[in-house]
Amino acid sequence: MSSAQSPVDRTLAALADPHRRRAIDLLSQGPRAAGDLARELDLTPPAMSRHLKTLRQSGLVDESHSPFDARVRIYALRPEPMVHLLRWLEDAERLWSTQLVAFKAHLEQDP
């Protein structure tokens, strides 16, 4: 991913894949091991690793290691990218709401 992308662009690009969105859904319930995510999503470990790499690079997840086994990687959500996305969506909603109100007023003007 390009470092020139905005935080919203990186988040949307990462969320474009249904497997990554499902992984985010699972992680919203709490941190999980990579292997658990792969099993729940019915993905091979290498495929899950590629998806998790994209999620890490986008800033959506953090990676840590299990205190019991350093080979086990644990993933947890980071809220910051979603905050940027939510702000962007709120701005877009305000813009469209303003545009629709103006359009409605224009249509309701006397001919």
PDB file of N, CA and C in Angstrom:
ATOM      1  N   MET A   1       0.826  -1.189   0.000  1.00  0.00           N
ATOM      2  CA  MET A   1       0.000   0.000   0.000  1.00  0.00           C
ATOM      3  C   MET A   1       0.864   1.244   0.000  1.00  0.00           C
ATOM      4  N   SER A   2       0.444   2.199  -0.727  1.00  0.00           N
ATOM      5  CA  SER A   2       1.189   3.442  -0.844  1.00  0.00           C
ATOM      6  C   SER A   2       1.091   4.246   0.443  1.00  0.00           C
ATOM      7  N   SER A   3       2.210   4.835   0.843  1.00  0.00           N
ATOM      8  CA  SER A   3       2.190   5.668   2.039  1.00  0.00           C
ATOM      9  C   SER A   3       1.525   7.014   1.762  1.00  0.00           C
ATOM     10  N   ALA A   4       1.305   7.334   0.470  1.00  0.00           N
ATOM     11  CA  ALA A   4       0.668   8.595   0.112  1.00  0.00           C
ATOM     12  C   ALA A   4      -0.852   8.538   0.288  1.00  0.00           C
ATOM     13  N   GLN A   5      -1.392   7.362   0.535  1.00  0.00           N
ATOM     14  CA  GLN A   5      -2.830   7.228   0.734  1.00  0.00           C
ATOM     15  C   GLN A   5      -3.241   7.873   2.050  1.00  0.00           C
ATOM     16  N   SER A   6      -4.450   8.424   2.053  1.00  0.00           N
ATOM     17  CA  SER A   6      -4.992   8.978   3.289  1.00  0.00           C
ATOM     18  C   SER A   6      -5.417   7.834   4.199  1.00  0.00           C
ATOM     19  N   PRO A   7      -5.595   8.113   5.498  1.00  0.00           N
ATOM     20  CA  PRO A   7      -6.059   7.060   6.409  1.00  0.00           C
ATOM     21  C   PRO A   7      -7.386   6.451   5.952  1.00  0.00           C
ATOM     22  N   VAL A   8      -8.284   7.263   5.430  1.00  0.00           N
ATOM     23  CA  VAL A   8      -9.575   6.752   4.955  1.00  0.00           C
ATOM     24  C   VAL A   8      -9.366   5.836   3.750  1.00  0.00           C
ATOM     25  N   ASP A   9      -8.478   6.232   2.824  1.00  0.00           N
ATOM     26  CA  ASP A   9      -8.196   5.394   1.652  1.00  0.00           C
ATOM     27  C   ASP A   9      -7.643   4.033   2.076  1.00  0.00           C
ATOM     28  N   ARG A  10      -6.710   4.037   3.025  1.00  0.00           N
ATOM     29  CA  ARG A  10      -6.127   2.774   3.492  1.00  0.00           C
ATOM     30  C   ARG A  10      -7.191   1.896   4.149  1.00  0.00           C
ATOM     31  N   THR A  11      -8.055   2.511   4.945  1.00  0.00           N
ATOM     32  CA  THR A  11      -9.106   1.747   5.627  1.00  0.00           C
ATOM     33  C   THR A  11     -10.077   1.158   4.617  1.00  0.00           C
ATOM     34  N   LEU A  12     -10.530   1.974   3.669  1.00  0.00           N
ATOM     35  CA  LEU A  12     -11.475   1.475   2.667  1.00  0.00           C
ATOM     36  C   LEU A  12     -10.849   0.387   1.797  1.00  0.00           C
ATOM     37  N   ALA A  13      -9.592   0.544   1.437  1.00  0.00           N
ATOM     38  CA  ALA A  13      -8.914  -0.479   0.630  1.00  0.00           C
ATOM     39  C   ALA A  13      -8.825  -1.793   1.407  1.00  0.00           C
ATOM     40  N   ALA A  14      -8.498  -1.714   2.681  1.00  0.00           N
ATOM     41  CA  ALA A  14      -8.402  -2.929   3.496  1.00  0.00           C
ATOM     42  C   ALA A  14      -9.767  -3.590   3.672  1.00  0.00           C
ATOM     43  N   LEU A  15     -10.812  -2.787   3.804  1.00  0.00           N
ATOM     44  CA  LEU A  15     -12.155  -3.322   4.024  1.00  0.00           C
ATOM     45  C   LEU A  15     -12.849  -3.757   2.733  1.00  0.00           C
ATOM     46  N   ALA A  16     -12.202  -3.561   1.598  1.00  0.00           N
ATOM     47  CA  ALA A  16     -12.810  -3.929   0.318  1.00  0.00           C
ATOM     48  C   ALA A  16     -12.982  -5.438   0.171  1.00  0.00           C
ATOM     49  N   ASP A  17     -12.186  -6.206   0.879  1.00  0.00           N
ATOM     50  CA  ASP A  17     -12.250  -7.666   0.762  1.00  0.00           C
ATOM     51  C   ASP A  17     -13.205  -8.248   1.806  1.00  0.00           C
ATOM     52  N   PRO A  18     -14.122  -9.132   1.394  1.00  0.00           N
ATOM     53  CA  PRO A  18     -15.082  -9.695   2.355  1.00  0.00           C
ATOM     54  C   PRO A  18     -14.435 -10.519   3.466  1.00  0.00           C
ATOM     55  N   HIS A  19     -13.316 -11.200   3.181  1.00  0.00           N
ATOM     56  CA  HIS A  19     -12.643 -11.959   4.239  1.00  0.00           C
ATOM     57  C   HIS A  19     -12.093 -11.026   5.316  1.00  0.00           C
ATOM     58  N   ARG A  20     -11.543  -9.893   4.881  1.00  0.00           N
ATOM     59  CA  ARG A  20     -11.005  -8.943   5.858  1.00  0.00           C
ATOM     60  C   ARG A  20     -12.126  -8.298   6.667  1.00  0.00           C
ATOM     61  N   ARG A  21     -13.257  -8.007   6.016  1.00  0.00           N
ATOM     62  CA  ARG A  21     -14.399  -7.460   6.774  1.00  0.00           C
ATOM     63  C   ARG A  21     -14.884  -8.472   7.805  1.00  0.00           C
ATOM     64  N   ARG A  22     -14.932  -9.728   7.432  1.00  0.00           N
ATOM     65  CA  ARG A  22     -15.361 -10.773   8.379  1.00  0.00           C
ATOM     66  C   ARG A  22     -14.350 -10.901   9.519  1.00  0.00           C
ATOM     67  N   ALA A  23     -13.067 -10.793   9.202  1.00  0.00           N
ATOM     68  CA  ALA A  23     -12.035 -10.836  10.255  1.00  0.00           C
ATOM     69  C   ALA A  23     -12.235  -9.673  11.220  1.00  0.00           C
ATOM     70  N   ILE A  24     -12.558  -8.492  10.704  1.00  0.00           N
ATOM     71  CA  ILE A  24     -12.820  -7.329  11.557  1.00  0.00           C
ATOM     72  C   ILE A  24     -14.032  -7.611  12.439  1.00  0.00           C
ATOM     73  N   ASP A  25     -15.081  -8.217  11.859  1.00  0.00           N
ATOM     74  CA  ASP A  25     -16.260  -8.577  12.654  1.00  0.00           C
ATOM     75  C   ASP A  25     -15.883  -9.504  13.808  1.00  0.00           C
ATOM     76  N   LEU A  26     -15.065 -10.507  13.513  1.00  0.00           N
ATOM     77  CA  LEU A  26     -14.644 -11.442  14.560  1.00  0.00           C
ATOM     78  C   LEU A  26     -13.786 -10.744  15.612  1.00  0.00           C
ATOM     79  N   LEU A  27     -12.884  -9.881  15.162  1.00  0.00           N
ATOM     80  CA  LEU A  27     -12.012  -9.182  16.102  1.00  0.00           C
ATOM     81  C   LEU A  27     -12.772  -8.160  16.937  1.00  0.00           C
ATOM     82  N   SER A  28     -13.929  -7.731  16.469  1.00  0.00           N
ATOM     83  CA  SER A  28     -14.729  -6.791  17.265  1.00  0.00           C
ATOM     84  C   SER A  28     -15.251  -7.466  18.534  1.00  0.00           C
ATOM     85  N   GLN A  29     -15.232  -8.788  18.547  1.00  0.00           N
ATOM     86  CA  GLN A  29     -15.648  -9.548  19.729  1.00  0.00           C
ATOM     87  C   GLN A  29     -14.492  -9.762  20.703  1.00  0.00           C
ATOM     88  N   GLY A  30     -13.282  -9.423  20.267  1.00  0.00           N
ATOM     89  CA  GLY A  30     -12.106  -9.550  21.126  1.00  0.00           C
ATOM     90  C   GLY A  30     -10.916 -10.070  20.337  1.00  0.00           C
ATOM     91  N   PRO A  31      -9.711  -9.930  20.913  1.00  0.00           N
ATOM     92  CA  PRO A  31      -8.495 -10.392  20.232  1.00  0.00           C
ATOM     93  C   PRO A  31      -8.561 -11.888  19.929  1.00  0.00           C
ATOM     94  N   ARG A  32      -7.907 -12.265  18.840  1.00  0.00           N
ATOM     95  CA  ARG A  32      -7.898 -13.665  18.424  1.00  0.00           C
ATOM     96  C   ARG A  32      -6.542 -14.035  17.839  1.00  0.00           C
ATOM     97  N   ALA A  33      -6.228 -15.299  17.947  1.00  0.00           N
ATOM     98  CA  ALA A  33      -5.016 -15.821  17.324  1.00  0.00           C
ATOM     99  C   ALA A  33      -5.238 -15.936  15.819  1.00  0.00           C
ATOM    100  N   ALA A  34      -4.172 -15.787  15.060  1.00  0.00           N
ATOM    101  CA  ALA A  34      -4.253 -15.879  13.601  1.00  0.00           C
ATOM    102  C   ALA A  34      -4.843 -17.219  13.175  1.00  0.00           C
ATOM    103  N   GLY A  35      -4.425 -18.291  13.817  1.00  0.00           N
ATOM    104  CA  GLY A  35      -4.936 -19.615  13.478  1.00  0.00           C
ATOM    105  C   GLY A  35      -6.429 -19.745  13.720  1.00  0.00           C
ATOM    106  N   ASP A  36      -6.913 -19.142  14.800  1.00  0.00           N
ATOM    107  CA  ASP A  36      -8.354 -19.168  15.081  1.00  0.00           C
ATOM    108  C   ASP A  36      -9.125 -18.418  13.998  1.00  0.00           C
ATOM    109  N   LEU A  37      -8.600 -17.258  13.606  1.00  0.00           N
ATOM    110  CA  LEU A  37      -9.244 -16.494  12.546  1.00  0.00           C
ATOM    111  C   LEU A  37      -9.290 -17.299  11.247  1.00  0.00           C
ATOM    112  N   ALA A  38      -8.181 -17.950  10.902  1.00  0.00           N
ATOM    113  CA  ALA A  38      -8.120 -18.742   9.673  1.00  0.00           C
ATOM    114  C   ALA A  38      -9.170 -19.855   9.703  1.00  0.00           C
ATOM    115  N   ARG A  39      -9.278 -20.540  10.842  1.00  0.00           N
ATOM    116  CA  ARG A  39     -10.265 -21.619  10.956  1.00  0.00           C
ATOM    117  C   ARG A  39     -11.685 -21.079  10.836  1.00  0.00           C
ATOM    118  N   GLU A  40     -11.979 -19.986  11.529  1.00  0.00           N
ATOM    119  CA  GLU A  40     -13.334 -19.431  11.510  1.00  0.00           C
ATOM    120  C   GLU A  40     -13.714 -18.882  10.137  1.00  0.00           C
ATOM    121  N   LEU A  41     -12.726 -18.422   9.384  1.00  0.00           N
ATOM    122  CA  LEU A  41     -12.994 -17.885   8.050  1.00  0.00           C
ATOM    123  C   LEU A  41     -12.800 -18.926   6.952  1.00  0.00           C
ATOM    124  N   ASP A  42     -12.417 -20.141   7.355  1.00  0.00           N
ATOM    125  CA  ASP A  42     -12.176 -21.237   6.417  1.00  0.00           C
ATOM    126  C   ASP A  42     -11.137 -20.849   5.369  1.00  0.00           C
ATOM    127  N   LEU A  43     -10.029 -20.273   5.858  1.00  0.00           N
ATOM    128  CA  LEU A  43      -8.913 -19.869   5.002  1.00  0.00           C
ATOM    129  C   LEU A  43      -7.675 -20.666   5.375  1.00  0.00           C
ATOM    130  N   THR A  44      -6.771 -20.828   4.427  1.00  0.00           N
ATOM    131  CA  THR A  44      -5.492 -21.448   4.739  1.00  0.00           C
ATOM    132  C   THR A  44      -4.670 -20.465   5.566  1.00  0.00           C
ATOM    133  N   PRO A  45      -3.740 -20.957   6.370  1.00  0.00           N
ATOM    134  CA  PRO A  45      -2.888 -20.028   7.131  1.00  0.00           C
ATOM    135  C   PRO A  45      -2.161 -19.008   6.258  1.00  0.00           C
ATOM    136  N   PRO A  46      -1.604 -19.401   5.088  1.00  0.00           N
ATOM    137  CA  PRO A  46      -0.955 -18.373   4.255  1.00  0.00           C
ATOM    138  C   PRO A  46      -1.934 -17.298   3.762  1.00  0.00           C
ATOM    139  N   ALA A  47      -3.144 -17.696   3.390  1.00  0.00           N
ATOM    140  CA  ALA A  47      -4.141 -16.712   2.935  1.00  0.00           C
ATOM    141  C   ALA A  47      -4.517 -15.775   4.078  1.00  0.00           C
ATOM    142  N   MET A  48      -4.710 -16.338   5.273  1.00  0.00           N
ATOM    143  CA  MET A  48      -5.057 -15.512   6.432  1.00  0.00           C
ATOM    144  C   MET A  48      -3.915 -14.566   6.749  1.00  0.00           C
ATOM    145  N   SER A  49      -2.692 -15.044   6.620  1.00  0.00           N
ATOM    146  CA  SER A  49      -1.518 -14.207   6.881  1.00  0.00           C
ATOM    147  C   SER A  49      -1.491 -13.001   5.940  1.00  0.00           C
ATOM    148  N   ARG A  50      -1.811 -13.216   4.671  1.00  0.00           N
ATOM    149  CA  ARG A  50      -1.833 -12.100   3.708  1.00  0.00           C
ATOM    150  C   ARG A  50      -2.912 -11.081   4.079  1.00  0.00           C
ATOM    151  N   HIS A  51      -4.085 -11.575   4.483  1.00  0.00           N
ATOM    152  CA  HIS A  51      -5.160 -10.658   4.877  1.00  0.00           C
ATOM    153  C   HIS A  51      -4.777  -9.877   6.139  1.00  0.00           C
ATOM    154  N   LEU A  52      -4.176 -10.568   7.090  1.00  0.00           N
ATOM    155  CA  LEU A  52      -3.778  -9.893   8.329  1.00  0.00           C
ATOM    156  C   LEU A  52      -2.668  -8.873   8.074  1.00  0.00           C
ATOM    157  N   LYS A  53      -1.790  -9.174   7.134  1.00  0.00           N
ATOM    158  CA  LYS A  53      -0.737  -8.207   6.777  1.00  0.00           C
ATOM    159  C   LYS A  53      -1.375  -6.927   6.242  1.00  0.00           C
ATOM    160  N   THR A  54      -2.374  -7.060   5.376  1.00  0.00           N
ATOM    161  CA  THR A  54      -3.073  -5.893   4.833  1.00  0.00           C
ATOM    162  C   THR A  54      -3.766  -5.118   5.951  1.00  0.00           C
ATOM    163  N   LEU A  55      -4.421  -5.829   6.855  1.00  0.00           N
ATOM    164  CA  LEU A  55      -5.104  -5.166   7.973  1.00  0.00           C
ATOM    165  C   LEU A  55      -4.109  -4.452   8.881  1.00  0.00           C
ATOM    166  N   ARG A  56      -2.936  -5.059   9.092  1.00  0.00           N
ATOM    167  CA  ARG A  56      -1.884  -4.419   9.903  1.00  0.00           C
ATOM    168  C   ARG A  56      -1.370  -3.167   9.206  1.00  0.00           C
ATOM    169  N   GLN A  57      -1.076  -3.282   7.920  1.00  0.00           N
ATOM    170  CA  GLN A  57      -0.533  -2.143   7.170  1.00  0.00           C
ATOM    171  C   GLN A  57      -1.527  -0.984   7.103  1.00  0.00           C
ATOM    172  N   SER A  58      -2.798  -1.296   7.120  1.00  0.00           N
ATOM    173  CA  SER A  58      -3.819  -0.245   7.083  1.00  0.00           C
ATOM    174  C   SER A  58      -4.004   0.396   8.454  1.00  0.00           C
ATOM    175  N   GLY A  59      -3.450  -0.244   9.488  1.00  0.00           N
ATOM    176  CA  GLY A  59      -3.587   0.268  10.846  1.00  0.00           C
ATOM    177  C   GLY A  59      -4.837  -0.219  11.564  1.00  0.00           C
ATOM    178  N   LEU A  60      -5.602  -1.108  10.924  1.00  0.00           N
ATOM    179  CA  LEU A  60      -6.844  -1.579  11.539  1.00  0.00           C
ATOM    180  C   LEU A  60      -6.612  -2.562  12.688  1.00  0.00           C
ATOM    181  N   VAL A  61      -5.497  -3.287  12.651  1.00  0.00           N
ATOM    182  CA  VAL A  61      -5.223  -4.255  13.714  1.00  0.00           C
ATOM    183  C   VAL A  61      -3.790  -4.115  14.220  1.00  0.00           C
ATOM    184  N   ASP A  62      -3.627  -4.530  15.455  1.00  0.00           N
ATOM    185  CA  ASP A  62      -2.297  -4.652  16.064  1.00  0.00           C
ATOM    186  C   ASP A  62      -1.986  -6.128  16.217  1.00  0.00           C
ATOM    187  N   GLU A  63      -0.714  -6.445  16.172  1.00  0.00           N
ATOM    188  CA  GLU A  63      -0.256  -7.820  16.337  1.00  0.00           C
ATOM    189  C   GLU A  63       0.586  -7.908  17.605  1.00  0.00           C
ATOM    190  N   SER A  64       0.349  -8.944  18.378  1.00  0.00           N
ATOM    191  CA  SER A  64       1.197  -9.222  19.539  1.00  0.00           C
ATOM    192  C   SER A  64       1.433 -10.729  19.576  1.00  0.00           C
ATOM    193  N   HIS A  65       2.225 -11.152  20.545  1.00  0.00           N
ATOM    194  CA  HIS A  65       2.517 -12.578  20.670  1.00  0.00           C
ATOM    195  C   HIS A  65       1.914 -13.102  21.959  1.00  0.00           C
ATOM    196  N   SER A  66       1.495 -14.343  21.895  1.00  0.00           N
ATOM    197  CA  SER A  66       0.955 -14.998  23.083  1.00  0.00           C
ATOM    198  C   SER A  66       2.042 -15.080  24.152  1.00  0.00           C
ATOM    199  N   PRO A  67       1.690 -14.813  25.416  1.00  0.00           N
ATOM    200  CA  PRO A  67       2.696 -14.933  26.472  1.00  0.00           C
ATOM    201  C   PRO A  67       3.125 -16.394  26.687  1.00  0.00           C
ATOM    202  N   PHE A  68       2.344 -17.322  26.192  1.00  0.00           N
ATOM    203  CA  PHE A  68       2.632 -18.742  26.394  1.00  0.00           C
ATOM    204  C   PHE A  68       3.409 -19.362  25.247  1.00  0.00           C
ATOM    205  N   ASP A  69       3.333 -18.753  24.067  1.00  0.00           N
ATOM    206  CA  ASP A  69       3.992 -19.296  22.889  1.00  0.00           C
ATOM    207  C   ASP A  69       4.269 -18.152  21.918  1.00  0.00           C
ATOM    208  N   ALA A  70       5.530 -17.774  21.788  1.00  0.00           N
ATOM    209  CA  ALA A  70       5.908 -16.625  20.954  1.00  0.00           C
ATOM    210  C   ALA A  70       5.585 -16.846  19.483  1.00  0.00           C
ATOM    211  N   ARG A  71       5.326 -18.094  19.086  1.00  0.00           N
ATOM    212  CA  ARG A  71       4.976 -18.363  17.686  1.00  0.00           C
ATOM    213  C   ARG A  71       3.530 -18.010  17.376  1.00  0.00           C
ATOM    214  N   VAL A  72       2.701 -17.913  18.415  1.00  0.00           N
ATOM    215  CA  VAL A  72       1.280 -17.627  18.222  1.00  0.00           C
ATOM    216  C   VAL A  72       1.091 -16.113  18.181  1.00  0.00           C
ATOM    217  N   ARG A  73       0.567 -15.637  17.063  1.00  0.00           N
ATOM    218  CA  ARG A  73       0.323 -14.200  16.912  1.00  0.00           C
ATOM    219  C   ARG A  73      -1.136 -13.906  17.235  1.00  0.00           C
ATOM    220  N   ILE A  74      -1.313 -12.876  18.064  1.00  0.00           N
ATOM    221  CA  ILE A  74      -2.646 -12.453  18.487  1.00  0.00           C
ATOM    222  C   ILE A  74      -2.945 -11.115  17.815  1.00  0.00           C
ATOM    223  N   TYR A  75      -4.154 -10.987  17.295  1.00  0.00           N
ATOM    224  CA  TYR A  75      -4.565  -9.759  16.605  1.00  0.00           C
ATOM    225  C   TYR A  75      -5.712  -9.102  17.353  1.00  0.00           C
ATOM    226  N   ALA A  76      -5.652  -7.776  17.418  1.00  0.00           N
ATOM    227  CA  ALA A  76      -6.688  -6.985  18.093  1.00  0.00           C
ATOM    228  C   ALA A  76      -6.968  -5.746  17.249  1.00  0.00           C
ATOM    229  N   LEU A  77      -8.199  -5.285  17.321  1.00  0.00           N
ATOM    230  CA  LEU A  77      -8.595  -4.089  16.570  1.00  0.00           C
ATOM    231  C   LEU A  77      -7.975  -2.828  17.140  1.00  0.00           C
ATOM    232  N   ARG A  78      -7.717  -1.881  16.269  1.00  0.00           N
ATOM    233  CA  ARG A  78      -7.317  -0.526  16.643  1.00  0.00           C
ATOM    234  C   ARG A  78      -8.460   0.391  16.224  1.00  0.00           C
ATOM    235  N   PRO A  79      -8.953   1.242  17.090  1.00  0.00           N
ATOM    236  CA  PRO A  79     -10.122   2.066  16.765  1.00  0.00           C
ATOM    237  C   PRO A  79      -9.827   3.276  15.869  1.00  0.00           C
ATOM    238  N   GLU A  80      -8.600   3.759  15.840  1.00  0.00           N
ATOM    239  CA  GLU A  80      -8.305   5.012  15.152  1.00  0.00           C
ATOM    240  C   GLU A  80      -8.724   5.028  13.680  1.00  0.00           C
ATOM    241  N   PRO A  81      -8.409   4.003  12.890  1.00  0.00           N
ATOM    242  CA  PRO A  81      -8.809   4.065  11.478  1.00  0.00           C
ATOM    243  C   PRO A  81     -10.328   4.158  11.292  1.00  0.00           C
ATOM    244  N   MET A  82     -11.077   3.510  12.143  1.00  0.00           N
ATOM    245  CA  MET A  82     -12.528   3.572  12.014  1.00  0.00           C
ATOM    246  C   MET A  82     -13.045   4.959  12.413  1.00  0.00           C
ATOM    247  N   VAL A  83     -12.372   5.630  13.320  1.00  0.00           N
ATOM    248  CA  VAL A  83     -12.760   6.989  13.700  1.00  0.00           C
ATOM    249  C   VAL A  83     -12.600   7.912  12.490  1.00  0.00           C
ATOM    250  N   HIS A  84     -11.486   7.763  11.761  1.00  0.00           N
ATOM    251  CA  HIS A  84     -11.271   8.568  10.546  1.00  0.00           C
ATOM    252  C   HIS A  84     -12.354   8.275   9.516  1.00  0.00           C
ATOM    253  N   LEU A  85     -12.697   7.003   9.355  1.00  0.00           N
ATOM    254  CA  LEU A  85     -13.725   6.625   8.393  1.00  0.00           C
ATOM    255  C   LEU A  85     -15.081   7.176   8.805  1.00  0.00           C
ATOM    256  N   LEU A  86     -15.394   7.099  10.080  1.00  0.00           N
ATOM    257  CA  LEU A  86     -16.674   7.615  10.570  1.00  0.00           C
ATOM    258  C   LEU A  86     -16.774   9.125  10.331  1.00  0.00           C
ATOM    259  N   ARG A  87     -15.700   9.857  10.594  1.00  0.00           N
ATOM    260  CA  ARG A  87     -15.696  11.303  10.333  1.00  0.00           C
ATOM    261  C   ARG A  87     -15.935  11.604   8.863  1.00  0.00           C
ATOM    262  N   TRP A  88     -15.275  10.840   7.998  1.00  0.00           N
ATOM    263  CA  TRP A  88     -15.435  11.031   6.557  1.00  0.00           C
ATOM    264  C   TRP A  88     -16.886  10.769   6.149  1.00  0.00           C
ATOM    265  N   LEU A  89     -17.473   9.701   6.681  1.00  0.00           N
ATOM    266  CA  LEU A  89     -18.871   9.384   6.367  1.00  0.00           C
ATOM    267  C   LEU A  89     -19.821  10.460   6.882  1.00  0.00           C
ATOM    268  N   GLU A  90     -19.557  10.986   8.070  1.00  0.00           N
ATOM    269  CA  GLU A  90     -20.389  12.064   8.620  1.00  0.00           C
ATOM    270  C   GLU A  90     -20.304  13.314   7.742  1.00  0.00           C
ATOM    271  N   ASP A  91     -19.095  13.646   7.270  1.00  0.00           N
ATOM    272  CA  ASP A  91     -18.927  14.794   6.379  1.00  0.00           C
ATOM    273  C   ASP A  91     -19.691  14.576   5.071  1.00  0.00           C
ATOM    274  N   ALA A  92     -19.599  13.371   4.527  1.00  0.00           N
ATOM    275  CA  ALA A  92     -20.316  13.057   3.284  1.00  0.00           C
ATOM    276  C   ALA A  92     -21.826  13.136   3.504  1.00  0.00           C
ATOM    277  N   GLU A  93     -22.283  12.655   4.638  1.00  0.00           N
ATOM    278  CA  GLU A  93     -23.717  12.712   4.934  1.00  0.00           C
ATOM    279  C   GLU A  93     -24.197  14.167   5.032  1.00  0.00           C
ATOM    280  N   ARG A  94     -23.414  15.013   5.705  1.00  0.00           N
ATOM    281  CA  ARG A  94     -23.777  16.438   5.803  1.00  0.00           C
ATOM    282  C   ARG A  94     -23.839  17.074   4.420  1.00  0.00           C
ATOM    283  N   LEU A  95     -22.869  16.794   3.589  1.00  0.00           N
ATOM    284  CA  LEU A  95     -22.838  17.351   2.232  1.00  0.00           C
ATOM    285  C   LEU A  95     -24.085  16.918   1.455  1.00  0.00           C
ATOM    286  N   TRP A  96     -24.383  15.637   1.474  1.00  0.00           N
ATOM    287  CA  TRP A  96     -25.541  15.146   0.724  1.00  0.00           C
ATOM    288  C   TRP A  96     -26.844  15.658   1.318  1.00  0.00           C
ATOM    289  N   SER A  97     -26.927  15.744   2.614  1.00  0.00           N
ATOM    290  CA  SER A  97     -28.149  16.268   3.237  1.00  0.00           C
ATOM    291  C   SER A  97     -28.383  17.710   2.803  1.00  0.00           C
ATOM    292  N   THR A  98     -27.338  18.524   2.812  1.00  0.00           N
ATOM    293  CA  THR A  98     -27.439  19.918   2.381  1.00  0.00           C
ATOM    294  C   THR A  98     -27.860  19.994   0.918  1.00  0.00           C
ATOM    295  N   GLN A  99     -27.241  19.152   0.087  1.00  0.00           N
ATOM    296  CA  GLN A  99     -27.573  19.141  -1.336  1.00  0.00           C
ATOM    297  C   GLN A  99     -29.025  18.721  -1.564  1.00  0.00           C
ATOM    298  N   LEU A 100     -29.481  17.710  -0.837  1.00  0.00           N
ATOM    299  CA  LEU A 100     -30.856  17.235  -1.006  1.00  0.00           C
ATOM    300  C   LEU A 100     -31.885  18.255  -0.518  1.00  0.00           C
ATOM    301  N   VAL A 101     -31.577  18.952   0.575  1.00  0.00           N
ATOM    302  CA  VAL A 101     -32.479  19.998   1.062  1.00  0.00           C
ATOM    303  C   VAL A 101     -32.581  21.111   0.025  1.00  0.00           C
ATOM    304  N   ALA A 102     -31.458  21.512  -0.541  1.00  0.00           N
ATOM    305  CA  ALA A 102     -31.462  22.557  -1.568  1.00  0.00           C
ATOM    306  C   ALA A 102     -32.219  22.094  -2.809  1.00  0.00           C
ATOM    307  N   PHE A 103     -32.032  20.857  -3.214  1.00  0.00           N
ATOM    308  CA  PHE A 103     -32.734  20.318  -4.374  1.00  0.00           C
ATOM    309  C   PHE A 103     -34.236  20.277  -4.120  1.00  0.00           C
ATOM    310  N   LYS A 104     -34.639  19.850  -2.927  1.00  0.00           N
ATOM    311  CA  LYS A 104     -36.060  19.805  -2.569  1.00  0.00           C
ATOM    312  C   LYS A 104     -36.658  21.215  -2.614  1.00  0.00           C
ATOM    313  N   ALA A 105     -35.952  22.186  -2.057  1.00  0.00           N
ATOM    314  CA  ALA A 105     -36.425  23.575  -2.064  1.00  0.00           C
ATOM    315  C   ALA A 105     -36.573  24.076  -3.497  1.00  0.00           C
ATOM    316  N   HIS A 106     -35.627  23.709  -4.337  1.00  0.00           N
ATOM    317  CA  HIS A 106     -35.701  24.122  -5.747  1.00  0.00           C
ATOM    318  C   HIS A 106     -36.933  23.510  -6.415  1.00  0.00           C
ATOM    319  N   LEU A 107     -37.209  22.257  -6.179  1.00  0.00           N
ATOM    320  CA  LEU A 107     -38.351  21.584  -6.781  1.00  0.00           C
ATOM    321  C   LEU A 107     -39.683  22.143  -6.268  1.00  0.00           C
ATOM    322  N   GLU A 108     -39.687  22.596  -5.033  1.00  0.00           N
ATOM    323  CA  GLU A 108     -40.929  23.083  -4.425  1.00  0.00           C
ATOM    324  C   GLU A 108     -41.208  24.567  -4.737  1.00  0.00           C
ATOM    325  N   GLN A 109     -40.277  25.230  -5.410  1.00  0.00           N
ATOM    326  CA  GLN A 109     -40.500  26.639  -5.779  1.00  0.00           C
ATOM    327  C   GLN A 109     -41.672  26.737  -6.738  1.00  0.00           C
ATOM    328  N   ASP A 110     -42.391  27.834  -6.623  1.00  0.00           N
ATOM    329  CA  ASP A 110     -43.515  28.078  -7.549  1.00  0.00           C
ATOM    330  C   ASP A 110     -42.960  28.271  -8.943  1.00  0.00           C
ATOM    331  N   PRO A 111     -43.620  27.682  -9.963  1.00  0.00           N
ATOM    332  CA  PRO A 111     -43.139  27.830 -11.350  1.00  0.00           C
ATOM    333  C   PRO A 111     -43.336  29.214 -11.892  1.00  0.00           C
TER     334      PRO A 111
END
